[in-house]
Amino acid sequence: MPFILASQSPFRVSLLKQIGYAPQKIAPQNVDESTHPKEKPTDYLKRIISLKITSAQQEFPNDIILAADTIVTVGCRIFQKPETRAEADRMLTLFSGRRVRVTTAICVALKEKKRERLVSATLSFKRLSALEKEAYLNANTWHTTSGGIAIDEIGGCFIKSVQGSASTIMGLPLFETKNLLESFGIYPDWMQKP
């Protein structure tokens, strides 16, 4: 059974392919992802996922839709993709020598039926030297992911340890995604429907 992926992330497409899924269509949704004052990270993710699903359902009212969103948090501070080098630098400075939480929300929906999961992992950052920060910023990979660090790229060498699944950090927790899709009757290509 086909489904629509309401995301522009090439990482999510790659992760879906890794476990045997190919969306029928990739349809990124342009929703306002700004935070509200005093909004908790989990409340923010639930709201954004709901906006993405609602937006996609207007375009694809009879299709199964998969949406996801990932944020990085330190305490209650939410960090998304840095828009400028200066913003990426501030994030790196804050993350240096700290534990950082990465949370991905996923939702699968068909009309009124919706199922969602919030999955978190924790990264333990090494203390970064000024040279490491400067070189990383010069490599220009910081703009591709929430928090400016992609663990499957150069940024992975700054991570001392990970608690949780790597796929959660990359933007699509595979265990939970497969379970949600199967609950809508969508199975990976290597698996026969029971």
C-alpha atoms as a PDB file:
ATOM      1  CA  MET A   1       0.000   0.000   0.000  1.00  0.00           C
ATOM      2  CA  PRO A   2       1.482   3.392  -0.970  1.00  0.00           C
ATOM      3  CA  PHE A   3       2.016   6.364   1.317  1.00  0.00           C
ATOM      4  CA  ILE A   4       3.008  10.022   1.076  1.00  0.00           C
ATOM      5  CA  LEU A   5       6.112  11.311   2.861  1.00  0.00           C
ATOM      6  CA  ALA A   6       5.430  14.862   4.059  1.00  0.00           C
ATOM      7  CA  SER A   7       9.108  15.775   4.435  1.00  0.00           C
ATOM      8  CA  GLN A   8      11.902  17.248   2.339  1.00  0.00           C
ATOM      9  CA  SER A   9      14.667  15.494   4.278  1.00  0.00           C
ATOM     10  CA  PRO A  10      16.914  13.304   2.099  1.00  0.00           C
ATOM     11  CA  PHE A  11      17.976  11.549   5.330  1.00  0.00           C
ATOM     12  CA  ARG A  12      14.396  10.370   5.916  1.00  0.00           C
ATOM     13  CA  VAL A  13      14.072   9.070   2.354  1.00  0.00           C
ATOM     14  CA  SER A  14      17.379   7.213   2.748  1.00  0.00           C
ATOM     15  CA  LEU A  15      16.355   5.756   6.123  1.00  0.00           C
ATOM     16  CA  LEU A  16      13.023   4.547   4.707  1.00  0.00           C
ATOM     17  CA  LYS A  17      14.842   2.929   1.787  1.00  0.00           C
ATOM     18  CA  GLN A  18      17.248   1.268   4.227  1.00  0.00           C
ATOM     19  CA  ILE A  19      14.383  -0.711   5.770  1.00  0.00           C
ATOM     20  CA  GLY A  20      12.506  -1.425   2.538  1.00  0.00           C
ATOM     21  CA  TYR A  21      10.046   1.440   2.131  1.00  0.00           C
ATOM     22  CA  ALA A  22       9.604   3.752  -0.841  1.00  0.00           C
ATOM     23  CA  PRO A  23       7.062   6.559  -0.547  1.00  0.00           C
ATOM     24  CA  GLN A  24       4.698   6.957  -3.475  1.00  0.00           C
ATOM     25  CA  LYS A  25       5.353  10.694  -3.364  1.00  0.00           C
ATOM     26  CA  ILE A  26       7.563  13.099  -1.416  1.00  0.00           C
ATOM     27  CA  ALA A  27       5.507  16.159  -0.553  1.00  0.00           C
ATOM     28  CA  PRO A  28       7.221  18.609   1.829  1.00  0.00           C
ATOM     29  CA  GLN A  29       4.798  20.843   3.708  1.00  0.00           C
ATOM     30  CA  ASN A  30       5.498  24.528   4.179  1.00  0.00           C
ATOM     31  CA  VAL A  31       4.239  25.204   7.705  1.00  0.00           C
ATOM     32  CA  ASP A  32       5.229  27.856  10.234  1.00  0.00           C
ATOM     33  CA  GLU A  33       7.764  26.112  12.480  1.00  0.00           C
ATOM     34  CA  SER A  34       8.419  29.015  14.820  1.00  0.00           C
ATOM     35  CA  THR A  35       8.175  28.307  18.524  1.00  0.00           C
ATOM     36  CA  HIS A  36       5.595  29.832  20.836  1.00  0.00           C
ATOM     37  CA  PRO A  37       6.669  31.606  24.043  1.00  0.00           C
ATOM     38  CA  LYS A  38       7.278  29.135  26.916  1.00  0.00           C
ATOM     39  CA  GLU A  39       6.334  26.203  24.667  1.00  0.00           C
ATOM     40  CA  LYS A  40       7.736  22.883  25.878  1.00  0.00           C
ATOM     41  CA  PRO A  41       9.772  20.886  23.339  1.00  0.00           C
ATOM     42  CA  THR A  42       7.334  17.953  23.277  1.00  0.00           C
ATOM     43  CA  ASP A  43       4.349  20.296  22.863  1.00  0.00           C
ATOM     44  CA  TYR A  44       6.168  22.051  20.044  1.00  0.00           C
ATOM     45  CA  LEU A  45       6.869  18.787  18.195  1.00  0.00           C
ATOM     46  CA  LYS A  46       3.284  17.570  18.562  1.00  0.00           C
ATOM     47  CA  ARG A  47       1.979  20.883  17.217  1.00  0.00           C
ATOM     48  CA  ILE A  48       4.355  20.924  14.228  1.00  0.00           C
ATOM     49  CA  ILE A  49       3.599  17.314  13.319  1.00  0.00           C
ATOM     50  CA  SER A  50      -0.120  18.054  13.508  1.00  0.00           C
ATOM     51  CA  LEU A  51       0.340  21.079  11.210  1.00  0.00           C
ATOM     52  CA  LYS A  52       2.292  18.991   8.683  1.00  0.00           C
ATOM     53  CA  ILE A  53      -0.281  16.205   8.677  1.00  0.00           C
ATOM     54  CA  THR A  54      -3.232  18.634   8.357  1.00  0.00           C
ATOM     55  CA  SER A  55      -1.490  20.488   5.527  1.00  0.00           C
ATOM     56  CA  ALA A  56      -0.662  17.269   3.647  1.00  0.00           C
ATOM     57  CA  GLN A  57      -4.194  15.939   4.092  1.00  0.00           C
ATOM     58  CA  GLN A  58      -5.567  18.964   2.254  1.00  0.00           C
ATOM     59  CA  GLU A  59      -3.529  17.937  -0.779  1.00  0.00           C
ATOM     60  CA  PHE A  60      -3.865  14.153  -0.333  1.00  0.00           C
ATOM     61  CA  PRO A  61      -7.173  13.584   1.530  1.00  0.00           C
ATOM     62  CA  ASN A  62      -7.433   9.862   0.756  1.00  0.00           C
ATOM     63  CA  ASP A  63      -3.796   8.841   1.213  1.00  0.00           C
ATOM     64  CA  ILE A  64      -1.758   7.559   4.127  1.00  0.00           C
ATOM     65  CA  ILE A  65       0.695  10.254   5.175  1.00  0.00           C
ATOM     66  CA  LEU A  66       3.945   9.966   7.123  1.00  0.00           C
ATOM     67  CA  ALA A  67       5.310  13.159   8.685  1.00  0.00           C
ATOM     68  CA  ALA A  68       8.288  13.692  10.966  1.00  0.00           C
ATOM     69  CA  ASP A  69      10.142  16.509  12.655  1.00  0.00           C
ATOM     70  CA  THR A  70      13.351  16.571  14.697  1.00  0.00           C
ATOM     71  CA  ILE A  71      14.636  19.044  17.258  1.00  0.00           C
ATOM     72  CA  VAL A  72      17.693  19.311  19.449  1.00  0.00           C
ATOM     73  CA  THR A  73      17.243  20.508  23.017  1.00  0.00           C
ATOM     74  CA  VAL A  74      19.365  21.550  25.950  1.00  0.00           C
ATOM     75  CA  GLY A  75      17.023  21.781  28.908  1.00  0.00           C
ATOM     76  CA  CYS A  76      13.898  23.430  27.484  1.00  0.00           C
ATOM     77  CA  ARG A  77      15.756  25.361  24.766  1.00  0.00           C
ATOM     78  CA  ILE A  78      14.866  24.215  21.263  1.00  0.00           C
ATOM     79  CA  PHE A  79      17.449  24.251  18.468  1.00  0.00           C
ATOM     80  CA  GLN A  80      16.487  23.785  14.839  1.00  0.00           C
ATOM     81  CA  LYS A  81      18.612  24.085  11.700  1.00  0.00           C
ATOM     82  CA  PRO A  82      20.953  27.058  12.080  1.00  0.00           C
ATOM     83  CA  GLU A  83      20.321  29.687   9.439  1.00  0.00           C
ATOM     84  CA  THR A  84      23.649  31.498   9.758  1.00  0.00           C
ATOM     85  CA  ARG A  85      27.240  30.618  10.558  1.00  0.00           C
ATOM     86  CA  ALA A  86      27.020  32.761  13.709  1.00  0.00           C
ATOM     87  CA  GLU A  87      23.971  30.795  14.876  1.00  0.00           C
ATOM     88  CA  ALA A  88      25.768  27.489  14.204  1.00  0.00           C
ATOM     89  CA  ASP A  89      28.766  28.774  16.165  1.00  0.00           C
ATOM     90  CA  ARG A  90      26.559  29.635  19.170  1.00  0.00           C
ATOM     91  CA  MET A  91      25.042  26.146  19.073  1.00  0.00           C
ATOM     92  CA  LEU A  92      28.438  24.442  18.935  1.00  0.00           C
ATOM     93  CA  THR A  93      29.652  26.541  21.853  1.00  0.00           C
ATOM     94  CA  LEU A  94      26.614  25.598  23.909  1.00  0.00           C
ATOM     95  CA  PHE A  95      26.797  21.879  23.029  1.00  0.00           C
ATOM     96  CA  SER A  96      30.533  21.601  23.738  1.00  0.00           C
ATOM     97  CA  GLY A  97      31.158  19.282  26.703  1.00  0.00           C
ATOM     98  CA  ARG A  98      27.419  18.760  27.310  1.00  0.00           C
ATOM     99  CA  ARG A  99      24.713  16.191  26.907  1.00  0.00           C
ATOM    100  CA  VAL A 100      22.201  17.151  24.250  1.00  0.00           C
ATOM    101  CA  ARG A 101      18.792  15.581  23.633  1.00  0.00           C
ATOM    102  CA  VAL A 102      17.534  14.870  20.116  1.00  0.00           C
ATOM    103  CA  THR A 103      13.817  14.159  19.768  1.00  0.00           C
ATOM    104  CA  THR A 104      12.010  13.081  16.635  1.00  0.00           C
ATOM    105  CA  ALA A 105       8.239  13.083  16.353  1.00  0.00           C
ATOM    106  CA  ILE A 106       6.654  10.837  13.756  1.00  0.00           C
ATOM    107  CA  CYS A 107       3.018  10.569  12.774  1.00  0.00           C
ATOM    108  CA  VAL A 108       1.189   8.331  10.328  1.00  0.00           C
ATOM    109  CA  ALA A 109      -2.333   9.379   9.404  1.00  0.00           C
ATOM    110  CA  LEU A 110      -5.217   8.378   7.158  1.00  0.00           C
ATOM    111  CA  LYS A 111      -8.176  10.744   7.349  1.00  0.00           C
ATOM    112  CA  GLU A 112      -9.198  10.890  11.024  1.00  0.00           C
ATOM    113  CA  LYS A 113      -7.000   7.980  12.098  1.00  0.00           C
ATOM    114  CA  LYS A 114      -3.659   9.241  13.440  1.00  0.00           C
ATOM    115  CA  ARG A 115      -0.881   7.549  15.361  1.00  0.00           C
ATOM    116  CA  GLU A 116       2.205   9.356  16.603  1.00  0.00           C
ATOM    117  CA  ARG A 117       5.357   8.670  18.579  1.00  0.00           C
ATOM    118  CA  LEU A 118       7.977  10.898  20.155  1.00  0.00           C
ATOM    119  CA  VAL A 119      11.374   9.229  20.407  1.00  0.00           C
ATOM    120  CA  SER A 120      14.464  10.700  22.081  1.00  0.00           C
ATOM    121  CA  ALA A 121      18.172   9.980  22.117  1.00  0.00           C
ATOM    122  CA  THR A 122      20.990  11.686  23.990  1.00  0.00           C
ATOM    123  CA  LEU A 123      24.340  12.790  22.570  1.00  0.00           C
ATOM    124  CA  SER A 124      27.343  13.365  24.788  1.00  0.00           C
ATOM    125  CA  PHE A 125      29.596  15.982  23.151  1.00  0.00           C
ATOM    126  CA  LYS A 126      33.334  16.245  23.655  1.00  0.00           C
ATOM    127  CA  ARG A 127      34.667  19.624  24.705  1.00  0.00           C
ATOM    128  CA  LEU A 128      35.418  21.354  21.405  1.00  0.00           C
ATOM    129  CA  SER A 129      38.572  23.359  20.811  1.00  0.00           C
ATOM    130  CA  ALA A 130      38.461  26.686  18.997  1.00  0.00           C
ATOM    131  CA  LEU A 131      40.309  25.027  16.090  1.00  0.00           C
ATOM    132  CA  GLU A 132      37.733  22.208  15.831  1.00  0.00           C
ATOM    133  CA  LYS A 133      34.824  24.640  15.872  1.00  0.00           C
ATOM    134  CA  GLU A 134      36.373  26.876  13.218  1.00  0.00           C
ATOM    135  CA  ALA A 135      37.254  23.950  10.948  1.00  0.00           C
ATOM    136  CA  TYR A 136      33.792  22.450  11.332  1.00  0.00           C
ATOM    137  CA  LEU A 137      32.099  25.739  10.483  1.00  0.00           C
ATOM    138  CA  ASN A 138      34.389  26.109   7.454  1.00  0.00           C
ATOM    139  CA  ALA A 139      33.383  22.619   6.242  1.00  0.00           C
ATOM    140  CA  ASN A 140      29.891  24.079   5.778  1.00  0.00           C
ATOM    141  CA  THR A 141      27.892  20.975   6.736  1.00  0.00           C
ATOM    142  CA  TRP A 142      26.192  22.665   9.695  1.00  0.00           C
ATOM    143  CA  HIS A 143      23.128  23.900   7.781  1.00  0.00           C
ATOM    144  CA  THR A 144      21.711  20.453   6.928  1.00  0.00           C
ATOM    145  CA  THR A 145      20.383  19.291  10.307  1.00  0.00           C
ATOM    146  CA  SER A 146      18.738  20.422  13.521  1.00  0.00           C
ATOM    147  CA  GLY A 147      21.391  21.671  15.914  1.00  0.00           C
ATOM    148  CA  GLY A 148      23.899  21.914  13.066  1.00  0.00           C
ATOM    149  CA  ILE A 149      25.481  18.496  13.717  1.00  0.00           C
ATOM    150  CA  ALA A 150      24.962  15.426  11.535  1.00  0.00           C
ATOM    151  CA  ILE A 151      26.349  12.318  13.240  1.00  0.00           C
ATOM    152  CA  ASP A 152      26.784  10.520   9.918  1.00  0.00           C
ATOM    153  CA  GLU A 153      29.040  13.312   8.664  1.00  0.00           C
ATOM    154  CA  ILE A 154      32.004  15.214  10.149  1.00  0.00           C
ATOM    155  CA  GLY A 155      30.039  16.093  13.284  1.00  0.00           C
ATOM    156  CA  GLY A 156      30.067  12.440  14.306  1.00  0.00           C
ATOM    157  CA  CYS A 157      33.672  12.776  15.506  1.00  0.00           C
ATOM    158  CA  PHE A 158      32.514  15.208  18.239  1.00  0.00           C
ATOM    159  CA  ILE A 159      30.161  12.679  19.838  1.00  0.00           C
ATOM    160  CA  LYS A 160      31.612  10.661  22.729  1.00  0.00           C
ATOM    161  CA  SER A 161      28.538   8.483  23.206  1.00  0.00           C
ATOM    162  CA  VAL A 162      24.932   8.028  22.122  1.00  0.00           C
ATOM    163  CA  GLN A 163      22.073   6.777  24.243  1.00  0.00           C
ATOM    164  CA  GLY A 164      19.201   5.741  21.982  1.00  0.00           C
ATOM    165  CA  SER A 165      18.977   4.889  18.305  1.00  0.00           C
ATOM    166  CA  ALA A 166      21.102   6.594  15.674  1.00  0.00           C
ATOM    167  CA  SER A 167      18.104   6.701  13.322  1.00  0.00           C
ATOM    168  CA  THR A 168      16.229   8.862  15.838  1.00  0.00           C
ATOM    169  CA  ILE A 169      19.094  11.355  15.719  1.00  0.00           C
ATOM    170  CA  MET A 170      19.120  11.251  11.914  1.00  0.00           C
ATOM    171  CA  GLY A 171      15.427  12.166  11.818  1.00  0.00           C
ATOM    172  CA  LEU A 172      13.385   8.959  11.585  1.00  0.00           C
ATOM    173  CA  PRO A 173      13.382   6.312  14.333  1.00  0.00           C
ATOM    174  CA  LEU A 174      13.219   3.125  12.264  1.00  0.00           C
ATOM    175  CA  PHE A 175      11.752   0.753  14.853  1.00  0.00           C
ATOM    176  CA  GLU A 176       8.822   3.043  15.621  1.00  0.00           C
ATOM    177  CA  THR A 177       8.327   4.065  11.982  1.00  0.00           C
ATOM    178  CA  LYS A 178       8.054   0.464  10.794  1.00  0.00           C
ATOM    179  CA  ASN A 179       5.581  -0.324  13.582  1.00  0.00           C
ATOM    180  CA  LEU A 180       3.418   2.693  12.760  1.00  0.00           C
ATOM    181  CA  LEU A 181       3.385   1.961   9.026  1.00  0.00           C
ATOM    182  CA  GLU A 182       2.519  -1.688   9.679  1.00  0.00           C
ATOM    183  CA  SER A 183      -0.399  -0.583  11.876  1.00  0.00           C
ATOM    184  CA  PHE A 184      -1.796   1.005   8.684  1.00  0.00           C
ATOM    185  CA  GLY A 185      -1.150  -2.147   6.647  1.00  0.00           C
ATOM    186  CA  ILE A 186       2.066  -0.923   5.006  1.00  0.00           C
ATOM    187  CA  TYR A 187       4.888  -3.467   5.093  1.00  0.00           C
ATOM    188  CA  PRO A 188       8.483  -3.190   3.846  1.00  0.00           C
ATOM    189  CA  ASP A 189       9.243  -4.735   0.462  1.00  0.00           C
ATOM    190  CA  TRP A 190      11.243  -7.602   2.024  1.00  0.00           C
ATOM    191  CA  MET A 191       8.405  -8.694   4.297  1.00  0.00           C
ATOM    192  CA  GLN A 192       5.187 -10.434   3.367  1.00  0.00           C
ATOM    193  CA  LYS A 193       1.998  -9.211   5.008  1.00  0.00           C
ATOM    194  CA  PRO A 194       0.929 -11.824   7.598  1.00  0.00           C
END
